[in-house]
Amino acid sequence: MDQQSEFTLPHDNSGHIALYHWQDEVSDRPVLHWAHANGFNGGTYEPLLTPLAARFDIYAWDARGHGRTNVSAKPAKMTGWDIYGRDLIALIEHLAEKHGRKIWLGGHSMGGFTSVFAAAERPDLVAGLVLADPVIVPFVGPITHMIARLTGRHGGMQLAKIAAKRRAIWPDKAVAKNSYNGRGAFATWQ
């Protein structure tokens, strides 16, 4: 019987990374880590990941600045998403050692970028990639970003600004669910 659990792993920056885990008591199945989109958390993907737990040992994190993870993420000091990639590398190093095998990486949007970053840096730990609408910046992206910043036309990290406007605290789950019901990424969720 598959079961979902939640736990945390210590992080170098005096905090912890929160994780969801779908597992059997003993599993020799492939291990998959799912990385969420900006402004979401690992639990957002429960409807997608729970059915996959019949074939995979699944982990989904809350990246820094998201969900239950308490590792520092100050938007004014963050200039890109590489920090998430480095966090993911530390996590897959732990998972590969724990399970004794390479880890499949999956992700949505920012989580797709983070997974590609980790796979490029540590291909020895990655079995493969499963990406949903990944943010892949073309080679000229960083140059365009730098020029915009130098000319004063840089609006900062727009996705982070949009995510920061999302409500963080709800009186209860029903109010949160009703607020998102039928909207955006949640339009088809039940």
N, C-alpha and C. Protein backbone atom coordinates (compact mmCIF):
# COMPACT_ATOMS: atom_id res chain seq x y z
N MET A 1 0.84 -1.19 0.00
CA MET A 1 0.00 0.00 0.00
C MET A 1 0.88 1.25 0.00
N ASP A 2 0.66 2.14 -0.94
CA ASP A 2 1.42 3.38 -0.99
C ASP A 2 0.96 4.31 0.12
N GLN A 3 1.93 5.04 0.67
CA GLN A 3 1.57 6.02 1.68
C GLN A 3 2.35 7.30 1.44
N GLN A 4 1.74 8.42 1.79
CA GLN A 4 2.41 9.70 1.65
C GLN A 4 2.87 10.15 3.02
N SER A 5 4.09 10.66 3.09
CA SER A 5 4.59 11.20 4.34
C SER A 5 5.28 12.54 4.05
N GLU A 6 5.50 13.29 5.09
CA GLU A 6 6.20 14.56 4.97
C GLU A 6 7.36 14.55 5.95
N PHE A 7 8.49 15.11 5.53
CA PHE A 7 9.64 15.20 6.41
C PHE A 7 10.52 16.36 5.96
N THR A 8 11.55 16.65 6.73
CA THR A 8 12.47 17.73 6.37
C THR A 8 13.90 17.21 6.40
N LEU A 9 14.74 17.85 5.60
CA LEU A 9 16.18 17.58 5.58
C LEU A 9 16.92 18.85 5.97
N PRO A 10 17.94 18.75 6.81
CA PRO A 10 18.71 19.94 7.17
C PRO A 10 19.38 20.55 5.93
N HIS A 11 19.52 21.86 5.93
CA HIS A 11 20.16 22.58 4.84
C HIS A 11 21.35 23.36 5.40
N ASP A 12 22.37 23.56 4.59
CA ASP A 12 23.58 24.26 5.03
C ASP A 12 23.30 25.66 5.57
N ASN A 13 22.30 26.33 5.05
CA ASN A 13 22.00 27.71 5.47
C ASN A 13 21.13 27.76 6.72
N SER A 14 21.39 26.87 7.66
CA SER A 14 20.68 26.83 8.95
C SER A 14 19.16 26.85 8.80
N GLY A 15 18.67 25.93 8.06
CA GLY A 15 17.24 25.75 7.90
C GLY A 15 16.99 24.34 7.44
N HIS A 16 15.82 24.11 6.85
CA HIS A 16 15.52 22.78 6.33
C HIS A 16 14.72 22.87 5.03
N ILE A 17 14.86 21.81 4.24
CA ILE A 17 14.08 21.63 3.02
C ILE A 17 12.96 20.66 3.36
N ALA A 18 11.72 21.05 3.09
CA ALA A 18 10.57 20.19 3.37
C ALA A 18 10.28 19.32 2.15
N LEU A 19 9.93 18.07 2.40
CA LEU A 19 9.67 17.11 1.32
C LEU A 19 8.39 16.32 1.58
N TYR A 20 7.73 15.97 0.48
CA TYR A 20 6.64 15.00 0.49
C TYR A 20 7.24 13.72 -0.08
N HIS A 21 6.76 12.57 0.39
CA HIS A 21 7.30 11.30 -0.10
C HIS A 21 6.17 10.30 -0.22
N TRP A 22 6.03 9.71 -1.40
CA TRP A 22 5.07 8.64 -1.64
C TRP A 22 5.89 7.36 -1.76
N GLN A 23 5.60 6.37 -0.92
CA GLN A 23 6.46 5.18 -0.88
C GLN A 23 5.71 3.94 -0.42
N ASP A 24 6.32 2.81 -0.68
CA ASP A 24 5.95 1.54 -0.06
C ASP A 24 6.89 1.32 1.10
N GLU A 25 6.60 0.32 1.92
CA GLU A 25 7.50 0.01 3.02
C GLU A 25 8.88 -0.36 2.48
N VAL A 26 8.92 -1.17 1.44
CA VAL A 26 10.18 -1.52 0.78
C VAL A 26 9.98 -1.26 -0.70
N SER A 27 10.87 -0.49 -1.28
CA SER A 27 10.69 -0.14 -2.69
C SER A 27 11.98 -0.33 -3.47
N ASP A 28 11.86 -1.04 -4.59
CA ASP A 28 13.00 -1.13 -5.50
C ASP A 28 12.64 -0.44 -6.82
N ARG A 29 11.56 0.36 -6.78
CA ARG A 29 11.11 1.08 -7.97
C ARG A 29 12.04 2.26 -8.27
N PRO A 30 11.98 2.78 -9.49
CA PRO A 30 12.76 3.98 -9.80
C PRO A 30 12.36 5.12 -8.86
N VAL A 31 13.31 5.98 -8.57
CA VAL A 31 13.07 7.13 -7.68
C VAL A 31 12.89 8.37 -8.55
N LEU A 32 11.82 9.12 -8.30
CA LEU A 32 11.51 10.35 -9.03
C LEU A 32 11.39 11.50 -8.05
N HIS A 33 12.09 12.59 -8.32
CA HIS A 33 11.87 13.82 -7.56
C HIS A 33 11.14 14.81 -8.46
N TRP A 34 10.06 15.41 -7.94
CA TRP A 34 9.28 16.39 -8.69
C TRP A 34 9.52 17.77 -8.09
N ALA A 35 9.89 18.73 -8.95
CA ALA A 35 10.14 20.11 -8.53
C ALA A 35 9.00 21.00 -9.03
N HIS A 36 8.42 21.76 -8.13
CA HIS A 36 7.23 22.57 -8.44
C HIS A 36 7.56 23.87 -9.17
N ALA A 37 6.50 24.50 -9.67
CA ALA A 37 6.60 25.80 -10.33
C ALA A 37 6.74 26.91 -9.29
N ASN A 38 7.15 28.08 -9.75
CA ASN A 38 7.29 29.25 -8.88
C ASN A 38 5.95 29.58 -8.21
N GLY A 39 6.00 29.77 -6.91
CA GLY A 39 4.81 30.13 -6.16
C GLY A 39 3.96 28.95 -5.73
N PHE A 40 4.28 27.75 -6.15
CA PHE A 40 3.56 26.55 -5.74
C PHE A 40 4.37 25.85 -4.66
N ASN A 41 3.98 24.64 -4.30
CA ASN A 41 4.79 23.80 -3.41
C ASN A 41 4.61 22.36 -3.84
N GLY A 42 5.37 21.46 -3.22
CA GLY A 42 5.32 20.06 -3.61
C GLY A 42 3.94 19.43 -3.48
N GLY A 43 3.20 19.84 -2.46
CA GLY A 43 1.87 19.28 -2.23
C GLY A 43 0.87 19.64 -3.30
N THR A 44 1.13 20.71 -4.05
CA THR A 44 0.22 21.13 -5.13
C THR A 44 0.01 20.01 -6.14
N TYR A 45 1.01 19.18 -6.32
CA TYR A 45 0.99 18.15 -7.36
C TYR A 45 0.51 16.79 -6.86
N GLU A 46 -0.06 16.75 -5.68
CA GLU A 46 -0.53 15.47 -5.13
C GLU A 46 -1.46 14.73 -6.09
N PRO A 47 -2.42 15.39 -6.76
CA PRO A 47 -3.29 14.65 -7.69
C PRO A 47 -2.53 14.02 -8.86
N LEU A 48 -1.43 14.61 -9.27
CA LEU A 48 -0.60 14.06 -10.34
C LEU A 48 0.31 12.95 -9.83
N LEU A 49 0.91 13.17 -8.68
CA LEU A 49 1.95 12.26 -8.18
C LEU A 49 1.41 11.01 -7.50
N THR A 50 0.28 11.11 -6.83
CA THR A 50 -0.26 9.95 -6.11
C THR A 50 -0.45 8.74 -7.03
N PRO A 51 -1.08 8.88 -8.20
CA PRO A 51 -1.22 7.70 -9.08
C PRO A 51 0.12 7.15 -9.57
N LEU A 52 1.12 8.02 -9.71
CA LEU A 52 2.43 7.57 -10.18
C LEU A 52 3.18 6.75 -9.12
N ALA A 53 2.73 6.86 -7.88
CA ALA A 53 3.41 6.15 -6.79
C ALA A 53 3.28 4.64 -6.91
N ALA A 54 2.41 4.16 -7.77
CA ALA A 54 2.32 2.72 -8.00
C ALA A 54 3.54 2.21 -8.77
N ARG A 55 4.24 3.12 -9.46
CA ARG A 55 5.39 2.71 -10.28
C ARG A 55 6.71 3.37 -9.88
N PHE A 56 6.63 4.42 -9.07
CA PHE A 56 7.84 5.16 -8.68
C PHE A 56 7.85 5.38 -7.17
N ASP A 57 9.03 5.52 -6.63
CA ASP A 57 9.22 6.02 -5.28
C ASP A 57 9.38 7.53 -5.48
N ILE A 58 8.42 8.32 -5.01
CA ILE A 58 8.34 9.73 -5.41
C ILE A 58 8.62 10.68 -4.25
N TYR A 59 9.41 11.69 -4.56
CA TYR A 59 9.66 12.80 -3.65
C TYR A 59 9.23 14.08 -4.35
N ALA A 60 8.75 15.05 -3.58
CA ALA A 60 8.45 16.38 -4.11
C ALA A 60 8.82 17.38 -3.02
N TRP A 61 9.67 18.31 -3.34
CA TRP A 61 10.12 19.26 -2.33
C TRP A 61 9.29 20.53 -2.33
N ASP A 62 9.47 21.30 -1.27
CA ASP A 62 9.08 22.70 -1.23
C ASP A 62 10.41 23.46 -1.37
N ALA A 63 10.63 24.11 -2.51
CA ALA A 63 11.88 24.83 -2.74
C ALA A 63 12.00 25.99 -1.76
N ARG A 64 13.21 26.49 -1.59
CA ARG A 64 13.41 27.62 -0.67
C ARG A 64 12.44 28.75 -1.01
N GLY A 65 11.89 29.37 0.03
CA GLY A 65 10.93 30.44 -0.15
C GLY A 65 9.52 29.96 -0.48
N HIS A 66 9.29 28.66 -0.45
CA HIS A 66 7.99 28.08 -0.79
C HIS A 66 7.57 27.08 0.29
N GLY A 67 6.26 26.98 0.50
CA GLY A 67 5.72 25.95 1.38
C GLY A 67 6.33 25.93 2.76
N ARG A 68 6.67 24.73 3.23
CA ARG A 68 7.16 24.53 4.60
C ARG A 68 8.68 24.63 4.72
N THR A 69 9.37 24.86 3.62
CA THR A 69 10.83 25.01 3.68
C THR A 69 11.16 26.37 4.28
N ASN A 70 12.12 26.38 5.21
CA ASN A 70 12.44 27.65 5.87
C ASN A 70 13.83 28.18 5.54
N VAL A 71 14.43 27.70 4.47
CA VAL A 71 15.73 28.21 4.04
C VAL A 71 15.52 29.60 3.43
N SER A 72 16.40 30.52 3.75
CA SER A 72 16.28 31.91 3.33
C SER A 72 16.14 32.06 1.81
N ALA A 73 15.19 32.90 1.42
CA ALA A 73 14.99 33.24 0.01
C ALA A 73 14.54 34.69 -0.05
N LYS A 74 15.48 35.60 -0.09
CA LYS A 74 15.16 37.03 -0.12
C LYS A 74 15.17 37.50 -1.57
N PRO A 75 13.98 37.78 -2.14
CA PRO A 75 13.90 38.14 -3.56
C PRO A 75 14.85 39.26 -3.98
N ALA A 76 15.07 40.24 -3.13
CA ALA A 76 15.95 41.36 -3.50
C ALA A 76 17.39 40.91 -3.71
N LYS A 77 17.77 39.79 -3.10
CA LYS A 77 19.14 39.30 -3.21
C LYS A 77 19.28 38.17 -4.23
N MET A 78 18.17 37.69 -4.76
CA MET A 78 18.22 36.58 -5.72
C MET A 78 18.24 37.13 -7.14
N THR A 79 19.23 36.73 -7.91
CA THR A 79 19.37 37.23 -9.27
C THR A 79 19.02 36.18 -10.31
N GLY A 80 18.67 35.00 -9.87
CA GLY A 80 18.33 33.92 -10.80
C GLY A 80 17.90 32.69 -10.05
N TRP A 81 17.69 31.62 -10.80
CA TRP A 81 17.20 30.38 -10.20
C TRP A 81 18.30 29.36 -9.93
N ASP A 82 19.58 29.72 -10.18
CA ASP A 82 20.64 28.73 -9.95
C ASP A 82 20.66 28.25 -8.50
N ILE A 83 20.28 29.12 -7.58
CA ILE A 83 20.29 28.73 -6.17
C ILE A 83 19.37 27.53 -5.93
N TYR A 84 18.24 27.50 -6.66
CA TYR A 84 17.34 26.35 -6.56
C TYR A 84 18.00 25.10 -7.14
N GLY A 85 18.74 25.30 -8.23
CA GLY A 85 19.46 24.18 -8.84
C GLY A 85 20.50 23.60 -7.89
N ARG A 86 21.22 24.48 -7.19
CA ARG A 86 22.22 24.00 -6.22
C ARG A 86 21.56 23.27 -5.05
N ASP A 87 20.41 23.80 -4.62
CA ASP A 87 19.66 23.10 -3.56
C ASP A 87 19.23 21.72 -4.03
N LEU A 88 18.76 21.63 -5.28
CA LEU A 88 18.32 20.34 -5.80
C LEU A 88 19.49 19.37 -5.93
N ILE A 89 20.65 19.86 -6.33
CA ILE A 89 21.82 18.99 -6.40
C ILE A 89 22.12 18.39 -5.02
N ALA A 90 22.08 19.21 -3.98
CA ALA A 90 22.32 18.69 -2.62
C ALA A 90 21.29 17.63 -2.26
N LEU A 91 20.04 17.85 -2.66
CA LEU A 91 18.98 16.89 -2.35
C LEU A 91 19.19 15.58 -3.12
N ILE A 92 19.50 15.66 -4.42
CA ILE A 92 19.65 14.40 -5.17
C ILE A 92 20.91 13.65 -4.77
N GLU A 93 21.92 14.37 -4.28
CA GLU A 93 23.08 13.67 -3.73
C GLU A 93 22.64 12.80 -2.55
N HIS A 94 21.79 13.38 -1.70
CA HIS A 94 21.26 12.64 -0.55
C HIS A 94 20.40 11.46 -1.01
N LEU A 95 19.49 11.71 -1.95
CA LEU A 95 18.58 10.64 -2.41
C LEU A 95 19.33 9.52 -3.12
N ALA A 96 20.31 9.87 -3.95
CA ALA A 96 21.09 8.84 -4.66
C ALA A 96 21.85 7.96 -3.68
N GLU A 97 22.39 8.58 -2.65
CA GLU A 97 23.11 7.80 -1.63
C GLU A 97 22.13 6.92 -0.85
N LYS A 98 20.99 7.48 -0.47
CA LYS A 98 19.99 6.73 0.29
C LYS A 98 19.47 5.52 -0.48
N HIS A 99 19.18 5.71 -1.76
CA HIS A 99 18.57 4.65 -2.57
C HIS A 99 19.57 3.81 -3.36
N GLY A 100 20.80 4.27 -3.44
CA GLY A 100 21.82 3.52 -4.17
C GLY A 100 21.59 3.46 -5.66
N ARG A 101 20.97 4.51 -6.21
CA ARG A 101 20.72 4.55 -7.66
C ARG A 101 20.55 5.98 -8.13
N LYS A 102 20.55 6.15 -9.45
CA LYS A 102 20.31 7.46 -10.04
C LYS A 102 18.85 7.86 -9.81
N ILE A 103 18.61 9.16 -9.84
CA ILE A 103 17.29 9.72 -9.56
C ILE A 103 16.71 10.31 -10.85
N TRP A 104 15.44 10.01 -11.12
CA TRP A 104 14.70 10.68 -12.19
C TRP A 104 14.31 12.05 -11.67
N LEU A 105 14.47 13.07 -12.49
CA LEU A 105 14.07 14.42 -12.10
C LEU A 105 12.91 14.87 -12.97
N GLY A 106 11.90 15.42 -12.33
CA GLY A 106 10.76 15.97 -13.04
C GLY A 106 10.46 17.35 -12.50
N GLY A 107 9.82 18.17 -13.31
CA GLY A 107 9.49 19.49 -12.82
C GLY A 107 8.58 20.24 -13.76
N HIS A 108 7.89 21.21 -13.17
CA HIS A 108 6.95 22.07 -13.88
C HIS A 108 7.50 23.50 -13.84
N SER A 109 7.60 24.15 -14.99
CA SER A 109 7.99 25.54 -15.11
C SER A 109 9.35 25.77 -14.45
N MET A 110 9.41 26.57 -13.37
CA MET A 110 10.67 26.79 -12.67
C MET A 110 11.28 25.46 -12.22
N GLY A 111 10.45 24.52 -11.81
CA GLY A 111 10.94 23.20 -11.41
C GLY A 111 11.57 22.45 -12.56
N GLY A 112 11.10 22.69 -13.78
CA GLY A 112 11.72 22.10 -14.95
C GLY A 112 13.11 22.66 -15.17
N PHE A 113 13.23 23.99 -15.04
CA PHE A 113 14.55 24.61 -15.15
C PHE A 113 15.49 24.05 -14.08
N THR A 114 15.00 23.99 -12.85
CA THR A 114 15.82 23.51 -11.74
C THR A 114 16.30 22.09 -12.00
N SER A 115 15.43 21.25 -12.53
CA SER A 115 15.79 19.86 -12.82
C SER A 115 16.83 19.77 -13.93
N VAL A 116 16.66 20.59 -14.98
CA VAL A 116 17.65 20.61 -16.07
C VAL A 116 19.00 21.09 -15.54
N PHE A 117 18.98 22.12 -14.72
CA PHE A 117 20.22 22.65 -14.13
C PHE A 117 20.95 21.56 -13.35
N ALA A 118 20.22 20.87 -12.47
CA ALA A 118 20.83 19.81 -11.66
C ALA A 118 21.36 18.68 -12.54
N ALA A 119 20.60 18.31 -13.56
CA ALA A 119 21.03 17.22 -14.46
C ALA A 119 22.28 17.60 -15.24
N ALA A 120 22.37 18.86 -15.65
CA ALA A 120 23.55 19.31 -16.39
C ALA A 120 24.79 19.34 -15.50
N GLU A 121 24.61 19.71 -14.25
CA GLU A 121 25.73 19.79 -13.32
C GLU A 121 26.15 18.42 -12.78
N ARG A 122 25.17 17.53 -12.60
CA ARG A 122 25.46 16.22 -12.00
C ARG A 122 24.81 15.08 -12.79
N PRO A 123 25.19 14.90 -14.05
CA PRO A 123 24.59 13.83 -14.86
C PRO A 123 24.84 12.44 -14.28
N ASP A 124 25.86 12.31 -13.45
CA ASP A 124 26.16 11.02 -12.82
C ASP A 124 25.10 10.60 -11.81
N LEU A 125 24.25 11.54 -11.38
CA LEU A 125 23.21 11.23 -10.39
C LEU A 125 21.82 11.14 -10.99
N VAL A 126 21.68 11.46 -12.28
CA VAL A 126 20.35 11.61 -12.88
C VAL A 126 20.08 10.52 -13.91
N ALA A 127 18.94 9.82 -13.71
CA ALA A 127 18.53 8.74 -14.63
C ALA A 127 17.85 9.30 -15.87
N GLY A 128 17.17 10.43 -15.74
CA GLY A 128 16.46 11.02 -16.86
C GLY A 128 15.63 12.20 -16.38
N LEU A 129 14.97 12.86 -17.33
CA LEU A 129 14.17 14.05 -17.04
C LEU A 129 12.74 13.88 -17.54
N VAL A 130 11.79 14.41 -16.77
CA VAL A 130 10.38 14.48 -17.14
C VAL A 130 9.97 15.93 -16.89
N LEU A 131 9.72 16.69 -17.96
CA LEU A 131 9.51 18.12 -17.82
C LEU A 131 8.13 18.53 -18.31
N ALA A 132 7.48 19.42 -17.55
CA ALA A 132 6.17 19.96 -17.92
C ALA A 132 6.32 21.48 -18.03
N ASP A 133 6.24 21.99 -19.25
CA ASP A 133 6.32 23.43 -19.50
C ASP A 133 7.53 24.06 -18.81
N PRO A 134 8.73 23.51 -19.05
CA PRO A 134 9.91 24.05 -18.37
C PRO A 134 10.30 25.43 -18.87
N VAL A 135 10.83 26.25 -17.99
CA VAL A 135 11.37 27.55 -18.37
C VAL A 135 12.81 27.30 -18.79
N ILE A 136 13.06 27.38 -20.08
CA ILE A 136 14.41 27.18 -20.61
C ILE A 136 14.83 28.50 -21.25
N VAL A 137 15.83 29.13 -20.67
CA VAL A 137 16.29 30.43 -21.15
C VAL A 137 17.30 30.22 -22.27
N PRO A 138 17.06 30.83 -23.45
CA PRO A 138 18.02 30.68 -24.54
C PRO A 138 19.35 31.34 -24.18
N PHE A 139 20.39 30.99 -24.92
CA PHE A 139 21.73 31.50 -24.65
C PHE A 139 21.75 33.02 -24.52
N VAL A 140 20.98 33.73 -25.35
CA VAL A 140 20.99 35.19 -25.32
C VAL A 140 20.18 35.75 -24.16
N GLY A 141 19.43 34.92 -23.47
CA GLY A 141 18.61 35.38 -22.34
C GLY A 141 19.39 36.14 -21.29
N PRO A 142 20.49 35.58 -20.78
CA PRO A 142 21.27 36.30 -19.76
C PRO A 142 21.83 37.63 -20.28
N ILE A 143 22.19 37.67 -21.56
CA ILE A 143 22.73 38.91 -22.14
C ILE A 143 21.62 39.96 -22.20
N THR A 144 20.44 39.57 -22.66
CA THR A 144 19.30 40.47 -22.71
C THR A 144 18.95 40.97 -21.32
N HIS A 145 18.98 40.08 -20.36
CA HIS A 145 18.70 40.42 -18.96
C HIS A 145 19.70 41.47 -18.46
N MET A 146 20.98 41.30 -18.75
CA MET A 146 22.02 42.23 -18.31
C MET A 146 21.83 43.60 -18.97
N ILE A 147 21.54 43.63 -20.27
CA ILE A 147 21.34 44.90 -20.97
C ILE A 147 20.13 45.63 -20.40
N ALA A 148 19.05 44.93 -20.15
CA ALA A 148 17.86 45.54 -19.57
C ALA A 148 18.16 46.13 -18.20
N ARG A 149 18.94 45.42 -17.42
CA ARG A 149 19.30 45.90 -16.09
C ARG A 149 20.17 47.16 -16.19
N LEU A 150 21.16 47.16 -17.09
CA LEU A 150 22.06 48.30 -17.25
C LEU A 150 21.34 49.54 -17.78
N THR A 151 20.31 49.35 -18.59
CA THR A 151 19.58 50.49 -19.16
C THR A 151 18.37 50.90 -18.32
N GLY A 152 18.20 50.26 -17.18
CA GLY A 152 17.09 50.62 -16.30
C GLY A 152 15.75 50.12 -16.75
N ARG A 153 15.71 49.18 -17.68
CA ARG A 153 14.45 48.65 -18.18
C ARG A 153 14.14 47.27 -17.62
N HIS A 154 14.85 46.93 -16.59
CA HIS A 154 14.67 45.60 -15.99
C HIS A 154 13.61 45.70 -14.90
N GLY A 155 12.59 44.90 -14.99
CA GLY A 155 11.52 44.93 -14.01
C GLY A 155 11.73 43.99 -12.85
N GLY A 156 12.91 43.43 -12.72
CA GLY A 156 13.15 42.47 -11.65
C GLY A 156 12.61 41.11 -12.03
N MET A 157 12.52 40.25 -11.08
CA MET A 157 12.03 38.88 -11.32
C MET A 157 10.51 38.91 -11.31
N GLN A 158 9.90 39.07 -12.50
CA GLN A 158 8.45 39.23 -12.61
C GLN A 158 7.68 38.06 -12.01
N LEU A 159 8.14 36.83 -12.25
CA LEU A 159 7.43 35.68 -11.68
C LEU A 159 7.44 35.73 -10.16
N ALA A 160 8.56 36.16 -9.59
CA ALA A 160 8.66 36.26 -8.13
C ALA A 160 7.71 37.35 -7.62
N LYS A 161 7.62 38.46 -8.35
CA LYS A 161 6.72 39.53 -7.93
C LYS A 161 5.26 39.08 -7.97
N ILE A 162 4.90 38.36 -9.01
CA ILE A 162 3.53 37.85 -9.13
C ILE A 162 3.24 36.86 -8.01
N ALA A 163 4.18 35.96 -7.76
CA ALA A 163 3.99 34.96 -6.71
C ALA A 163 3.88 35.63 -5.34
N ALA A 164 4.64 36.70 -5.12
CA ALA A 164 4.62 37.38 -3.83
C ALA A 164 3.26 38.01 -3.54
N LYS A 165 2.47 38.28 -4.58
CA LYS A 165 1.15 38.87 -4.40
C LYS A 165 0.10 37.83 -4.00
N ARG A 166 0.44 36.55 -4.14
CA ARG A 166 -0.51 35.51 -3.77
C ARG A 166 -0.72 35.50 -2.26
N ARG A 167 -1.92 35.21 -1.87
CA ARG A 167 -2.24 35.14 -0.45
C ARG A 167 -1.48 33.98 0.19
N ALA A 168 -0.90 34.21 1.36
CA ALA A 168 -0.08 33.19 2.02
C ALA A 168 -0.81 32.47 3.14
N ILE A 169 -1.79 33.10 3.75
CA ILE A 169 -2.47 32.51 4.91
C ILE A 169 -3.97 32.50 4.65
N TRP A 170 -4.57 31.36 4.97
CA TRP A 170 -6.01 31.16 4.76
C TRP A 170 -6.63 30.73 6.09
N PRO A 171 -7.89 31.11 6.33
CA PRO A 171 -8.53 30.68 7.58
C PRO A 171 -8.71 29.17 7.66
N ASP A 172 -8.93 28.53 6.49
CA ASP A 172 -9.05 27.07 6.45
C ASP A 172 -8.92 26.59 5.01
N LYS A 173 -8.84 25.27 4.84
CA LYS A 173 -8.63 24.69 3.50
C LYS A 173 -9.80 24.98 2.56
N ALA A 174 -11.02 24.99 3.09
CA ALA A 174 -12.19 25.22 2.24
C ALA A 174 -12.15 26.60 1.58
N VAL A 175 -11.77 27.61 2.34
CA VAL A 175 -11.68 28.97 1.79
C VAL A 175 -10.59 29.03 0.72
N ALA A 176 -9.45 28.41 0.97
CA ALA A 176 -8.36 28.38 -0.01
C ALA A 176 -8.82 27.68 -1.28
N LYS A 177 -9.45 26.52 -1.13
CA LYS A 177 -9.90 25.76 -2.29
C LYS A 177 -10.91 26.55 -3.10
N ASN A 178 -11.87 27.18 -2.44
CA ASN A 178 -12.89 27.96 -3.15
C ASN A 178 -12.27 29.16 -3.88
N SER A 179 -11.24 29.74 -3.31
CA SER A 179 -10.58 30.88 -3.93
C SER A 179 -9.91 30.51 -5.25
N TYR A 180 -9.32 29.32 -5.31
CA TYR A 180 -8.61 28.89 -6.51
C TYR A 180 -9.45 28.05 -7.45
N ASN A 181 -10.60 27.58 -7.00
CA ASN A 181 -11.44 26.69 -7.80
C ASN A 181 -11.77 27.32 -9.15
N GLY A 182 -11.41 26.60 -10.22
CA GLY A 182 -11.72 27.04 -11.57
C GLY A 182 -10.80 28.11 -12.13
N ARG A 183 -9.72 28.44 -11.43
CA ARG A 183 -8.82 29.51 -11.87
C ARG A 183 -7.47 28.97 -12.32
N GLY A 184 -6.94 29.54 -13.38
CA GLY A 184 -5.58 29.29 -13.83
C GLY A 184 -5.19 27.83 -13.86
N ALA A 185 -4.06 27.53 -13.23
CA ALA A 185 -3.53 26.16 -13.21
C ALA A 185 -4.45 25.20 -12.48
N PHE A 186 -5.38 25.72 -11.71
CA PHE A 186 -6.27 24.87 -10.91
C PHE A 186 -7.63 24.65 -11.57
N ALA A 187 -7.82 25.16 -12.79
CA ALA A 187 -9.12 25.11 -13.46
C ALA A 187 -9.67 23.70 -13.61
N THR A 188 -8.82 22.72 -13.81
CA THR A 188 -9.31 21.35 -14.03
C THR A 188 -9.23 20.49 -12.78
N TRP A 189 -8.80 21.05 -11.67
CA TRP A 189 -8.64 20.26 -10.44
C TRP A 189 -9.98 20.10 -9.74
N GLN A 190 -10.11 18.98 -9.07
CA GLN A 190 -11.36 18.71 -8.34
C GLN A 190 -11.11 18.63 -6.87
